[in-house]
N, C-alpha and C. Protein backbone atom coordinates (compact mmCIF):
# COMPACT_ATOMS: atom_id res chain seq x y z
N MET A 1 0.85 -1.16 0.00
CA MET A 1 0.00 0.00 0.00
C MET A 1 0.90 1.23 0.00
N GLU A 2 0.52 2.20 -0.80
CA GLU A 2 1.29 3.44 -0.90
C GLU A 2 0.33 4.63 -0.77
N PHE A 3 0.69 5.56 0.07
CA PHE A 3 -0.08 6.79 0.24
C PHE A 3 0.64 7.87 -0.54
N ASN A 4 -0.05 8.50 -1.50
CA ASN A 4 0.58 9.48 -2.37
C ASN A 4 -0.18 10.80 -2.30
N VAL A 5 0.52 11.86 -1.88
CA VAL A 5 -0.09 13.19 -1.76
C VAL A 5 0.41 14.15 -2.83
N ASN A 6 1.12 13.64 -3.83
CA ASN A 6 1.73 14.52 -4.83
C ASN A 6 0.77 15.06 -5.88
N GLY A 7 -0.30 14.38 -6.15
CA GLY A 7 -1.23 14.83 -7.17
C GLY A 7 -2.23 15.83 -6.63
N ASP A 8 -3.16 16.25 -7.47
CA ASP A 8 -4.22 17.16 -7.04
C ASP A 8 -5.10 16.52 -5.98
N VAL A 9 -5.30 15.20 -6.09
CA VAL A 9 -6.11 14.45 -5.12
C VAL A 9 -5.22 13.37 -4.52
N PRO A 10 -5.03 13.36 -3.19
CA PRO A 10 -4.25 12.28 -2.57
C PRO A 10 -4.90 10.93 -2.83
N VAL A 11 -4.07 9.89 -2.94
CA VAL A 11 -4.58 8.54 -3.24
C VAL A 11 -3.86 7.49 -2.41
N PHE A 12 -4.55 6.37 -2.22
CA PHE A 12 -3.94 5.14 -1.73
C PHE A 12 -3.81 4.23 -2.93
N ASN A 13 -2.62 3.75 -3.21
CA ASN A 13 -2.40 2.73 -4.23
C ASN A 13 -2.26 1.40 -3.50
N VAL A 14 -3.11 0.46 -3.83
CA VAL A 14 -3.10 -0.85 -3.18
C VAL A 14 -2.70 -1.89 -4.21
N ARG A 15 -1.63 -2.64 -3.90
CA ARG A 15 -1.17 -3.71 -4.78
C ARG A 15 -0.85 -4.93 -3.92
N THR A 16 -1.24 -6.10 -4.39
CA THR A 16 -1.00 -7.33 -3.65
C THR A 16 0.37 -7.88 -4.02
N TYR A 17 1.19 -8.13 -2.98
CA TYR A 17 2.55 -8.60 -3.17
C TYR A 17 2.66 -10.06 -2.73
N SER A 18 3.33 -10.87 -3.53
CA SER A 18 3.59 -12.26 -3.16
C SER A 18 4.95 -12.36 -2.50
N SER A 19 4.95 -12.67 -1.22
CA SER A 19 6.23 -12.84 -0.53
C SER A 19 6.92 -14.14 -0.99
N HIS A 20 6.14 -15.06 -1.53
CA HIS A 20 6.72 -16.31 -2.04
C HIS A 20 7.47 -16.07 -3.36
N TYR A 21 6.79 -15.38 -4.30
CA TYR A 21 7.39 -15.14 -5.62
C TYR A 21 8.19 -13.84 -5.67
N LYS A 22 8.04 -12.99 -4.66
CA LYS A 22 8.78 -11.72 -4.57
C LYS A 22 8.40 -10.75 -5.70
N ILE A 23 7.13 -10.78 -6.14
CA ILE A 23 6.63 -9.86 -7.15
C ILE A 23 5.17 -9.53 -6.84
N TYR A 24 4.66 -8.49 -7.49
CA TYR A 24 3.26 -8.13 -7.33
C TYR A 24 2.39 -9.09 -8.14
N SER A 25 1.15 -9.28 -7.67
CA SER A 25 0.27 -10.26 -8.30
C SER A 25 0.03 -9.97 -9.78
N ASN A 26 -0.07 -8.70 -10.16
CA ASN A 26 -0.31 -8.39 -11.57
C ASN A 26 0.94 -8.56 -12.44
N GLU A 27 2.08 -8.83 -11.84
CA GLU A 27 3.31 -9.08 -12.59
C GLU A 27 3.58 -10.58 -12.77
N HIS A 28 2.83 -11.41 -12.04
CA HIS A 28 3.02 -12.86 -12.12
C HIS A 28 2.16 -13.42 -13.24
N GLU A 29 2.79 -14.03 -14.23
CA GLU A 29 2.05 -14.46 -15.43
C GLU A 29 1.00 -15.53 -15.14
N ASN A 30 1.12 -16.28 -14.06
CA ASN A 30 0.16 -17.34 -13.76
C ASN A 30 -0.70 -17.05 -12.54
N HIS A 31 -0.70 -15.82 -12.08
CA HIS A 31 -1.46 -15.50 -10.86
C HIS A 31 -2.93 -15.89 -10.99
N THR A 32 -3.57 -15.51 -12.06
CA THR A 32 -4.99 -15.81 -12.24
C THR A 32 -5.20 -17.32 -12.32
N GLU A 33 -4.37 -18.00 -13.07
CA GLU A 33 -4.48 -19.46 -13.21
C GLU A 33 -4.36 -20.14 -11.84
N PHE A 34 -3.45 -19.67 -11.01
CA PHE A 34 -3.24 -20.28 -9.70
C PHE A 34 -4.36 -19.98 -8.71
N TYR A 35 -4.90 -18.75 -8.72
CA TYR A 35 -5.75 -18.31 -7.62
C TYR A 35 -7.22 -18.07 -7.95
N LEU A 36 -7.58 -17.81 -9.20
CA LEU A 36 -8.97 -17.48 -9.50
C LEU A 36 -9.92 -18.61 -9.13
N GLU A 37 -9.59 -19.83 -9.50
CA GLU A 37 -10.48 -20.95 -9.20
C GLU A 37 -10.64 -21.17 -7.71
N SER A 38 -9.58 -20.99 -6.94
CA SER A 38 -9.68 -21.19 -5.49
C SER A 38 -10.51 -20.10 -4.81
N GLU A 39 -10.71 -18.97 -5.49
CA GLU A 39 -11.52 -17.88 -4.94
C GLU A 39 -13.00 -18.03 -5.26
N ARG A 40 -13.34 -18.93 -6.17
CA ARG A 40 -14.74 -19.11 -6.56
C ARG A 40 -15.49 -19.89 -5.47
N ASP A 41 -16.74 -19.52 -5.25
CA ASP A 41 -17.57 -20.33 -4.36
C ASP A 41 -18.29 -21.39 -5.19
N TYR A 42 -19.16 -22.16 -4.58
CA TYR A 42 -19.80 -23.27 -5.28
C TYR A 42 -20.71 -22.83 -6.42
N SER A 43 -21.14 -21.58 -6.44
CA SER A 43 -22.00 -21.12 -7.53
C SER A 43 -21.18 -20.70 -8.76
N GLY A 44 -19.86 -20.76 -8.67
CA GLY A 44 -19.02 -20.38 -9.80
C GLY A 44 -18.69 -18.91 -9.84
N THR A 45 -18.91 -18.22 -8.74
CA THR A 45 -18.64 -16.79 -8.69
C THR A 45 -17.67 -16.48 -7.57
N VAL A 46 -17.11 -15.30 -7.61
CA VAL A 46 -16.28 -14.79 -6.53
C VAL A 46 -17.03 -13.61 -5.94
N SER A 47 -17.35 -13.69 -4.68
CA SER A 47 -18.10 -12.63 -4.00
C SER A 47 -19.37 -12.26 -4.76
N GLY A 48 -20.05 -13.27 -5.30
CA GLY A 48 -21.31 -13.04 -5.98
C GLY A 48 -21.19 -12.58 -7.42
N GLU A 49 -19.98 -12.44 -7.93
CA GLU A 49 -19.79 -11.97 -9.31
C GLU A 49 -19.01 -13.01 -10.10
N SER A 50 -19.36 -13.17 -11.36
CA SER A 50 -18.61 -14.03 -12.25
C SER A 50 -17.41 -13.24 -12.74
N LEU A 51 -16.21 -13.66 -12.37
CA LEU A 51 -15.02 -12.88 -12.69
C LEU A 51 -14.18 -13.51 -13.79
N THR A 52 -13.61 -12.65 -14.59
CA THR A 52 -12.61 -13.04 -15.56
C THR A 52 -11.27 -12.50 -15.06
N GLU A 53 -10.24 -12.62 -15.85
CA GLU A 53 -8.89 -12.25 -15.41
C GLU A 53 -8.76 -10.78 -15.02
N ALA A 54 -9.22 -9.87 -15.86
CA ALA A 54 -9.03 -8.44 -15.58
C ALA A 54 -9.74 -8.00 -14.30
N PRO A 55 -11.03 -8.31 -14.12
CA PRO A 55 -11.67 -7.91 -12.85
C PRO A 55 -11.05 -8.60 -11.63
N PHE A 56 -10.55 -9.81 -11.81
CA PHE A 56 -9.88 -10.50 -10.70
C PHE A 56 -8.64 -9.73 -10.26
N HIS A 57 -7.83 -9.27 -11.24
CA HIS A 57 -6.66 -8.46 -10.91
C HIS A 57 -7.05 -7.14 -10.25
N GLU A 58 -8.18 -6.57 -10.67
CA GLU A 58 -8.63 -5.30 -10.09
C GLU A 58 -8.96 -5.42 -8.61
N GLN A 59 -9.26 -6.62 -8.13
CA GLN A 59 -9.51 -6.81 -6.70
C GLN A 59 -8.20 -6.80 -5.91
N ASP A 60 -7.09 -7.10 -6.56
CA ASP A 60 -5.78 -7.14 -5.91
C ASP A 60 -4.97 -5.87 -6.12
N ASN A 61 -5.35 -5.06 -7.11
CA ASN A 61 -4.57 -3.87 -7.46
C ASN A 61 -5.54 -2.75 -7.81
N PHE A 62 -5.61 -1.74 -6.94
CA PHE A 62 -6.58 -0.67 -7.18
C PHE A 62 -6.12 0.62 -6.50
N VAL A 63 -6.78 1.71 -6.84
CA VAL A 63 -6.47 3.04 -6.31
C VAL A 63 -7.72 3.58 -5.63
N ILE A 64 -7.53 4.13 -4.44
CA ILE A 64 -8.61 4.80 -3.73
C ILE A 64 -8.30 6.29 -3.72
N GLU A 65 -9.13 7.09 -4.37
CA GLU A 65 -8.95 8.54 -4.36
C GLU A 65 -9.54 9.11 -3.08
N LEU A 66 -8.75 9.91 -2.39
CA LEU A 66 -9.18 10.53 -1.13
C LEU A 66 -9.65 11.95 -1.44
N THR A 67 -10.80 12.03 -2.10
CA THR A 67 -11.28 13.30 -2.64
C THR A 67 -11.55 14.36 -1.58
N ASP A 68 -11.84 13.95 -0.36
CA ASP A 68 -12.13 14.93 0.69
C ASP A 68 -10.97 15.10 1.67
N PHE A 69 -9.79 14.57 1.35
CA PHE A 69 -8.65 14.62 2.27
C PHE A 69 -8.27 16.06 2.63
N VAL A 70 -8.11 16.91 1.64
CA VAL A 70 -7.68 18.30 1.90
C VAL A 70 -8.75 19.04 2.69
N ALA A 71 -10.02 18.83 2.36
CA ALA A 71 -11.10 19.50 3.08
C ALA A 71 -11.14 19.07 4.55
N ARG A 72 -10.85 17.81 4.80
CA ARG A 72 -10.92 17.30 6.17
C ARG A 72 -9.66 17.56 6.98
N PHE A 73 -8.48 17.48 6.33
CA PHE A 73 -7.22 17.52 7.07
C PHE A 73 -6.30 18.66 6.68
N GLY A 74 -6.64 19.42 5.63
CA GLY A 74 -5.79 20.50 5.16
C GLY A 74 -4.76 19.99 4.16
N GLU A 75 -4.04 20.93 3.58
CA GLU A 75 -2.98 20.57 2.63
C GLU A 75 -1.90 19.78 3.33
N PRO A 76 -1.42 18.69 2.70
CA PRO A 76 -0.29 17.96 3.28
C PRO A 76 0.93 18.88 3.36
N ASN A 77 1.64 18.83 4.46
CA ASN A 77 2.80 19.69 4.68
C ASN A 77 3.99 19.31 3.83
N ALA A 78 4.16 18.05 3.56
CA ALA A 78 5.37 17.60 2.87
C ALA A 78 5.02 16.95 1.55
N ARG A 79 4.80 17.76 0.54
CA ARG A 79 4.61 17.19 -0.80
C ARG A 79 5.98 16.78 -1.32
N LEU A 80 6.07 15.55 -1.82
CA LEU A 80 7.34 15.02 -2.28
C LEU A 80 7.68 15.55 -3.65
N GLN A 81 8.94 15.77 -3.91
CA GLN A 81 9.40 16.27 -5.21
C GLN A 81 9.69 15.14 -6.14
């Protein structure tokens, strides 16, 4: 997870890291093959949704925009160069 205040809107970047393979899940060529089936429930879905490779990766790698961060906490003091 990375907290970034350099842009107009601060964001959290969330990426799933494999400590076994020493790479991020979206960098592992067989990540979906290894893990998608084990995430499916008996109805053939993951969390109620039928997932393919791209949406499956989106659950492991995503960005959360903190649109109200400045309004709630003020400008970050240390913007990185």
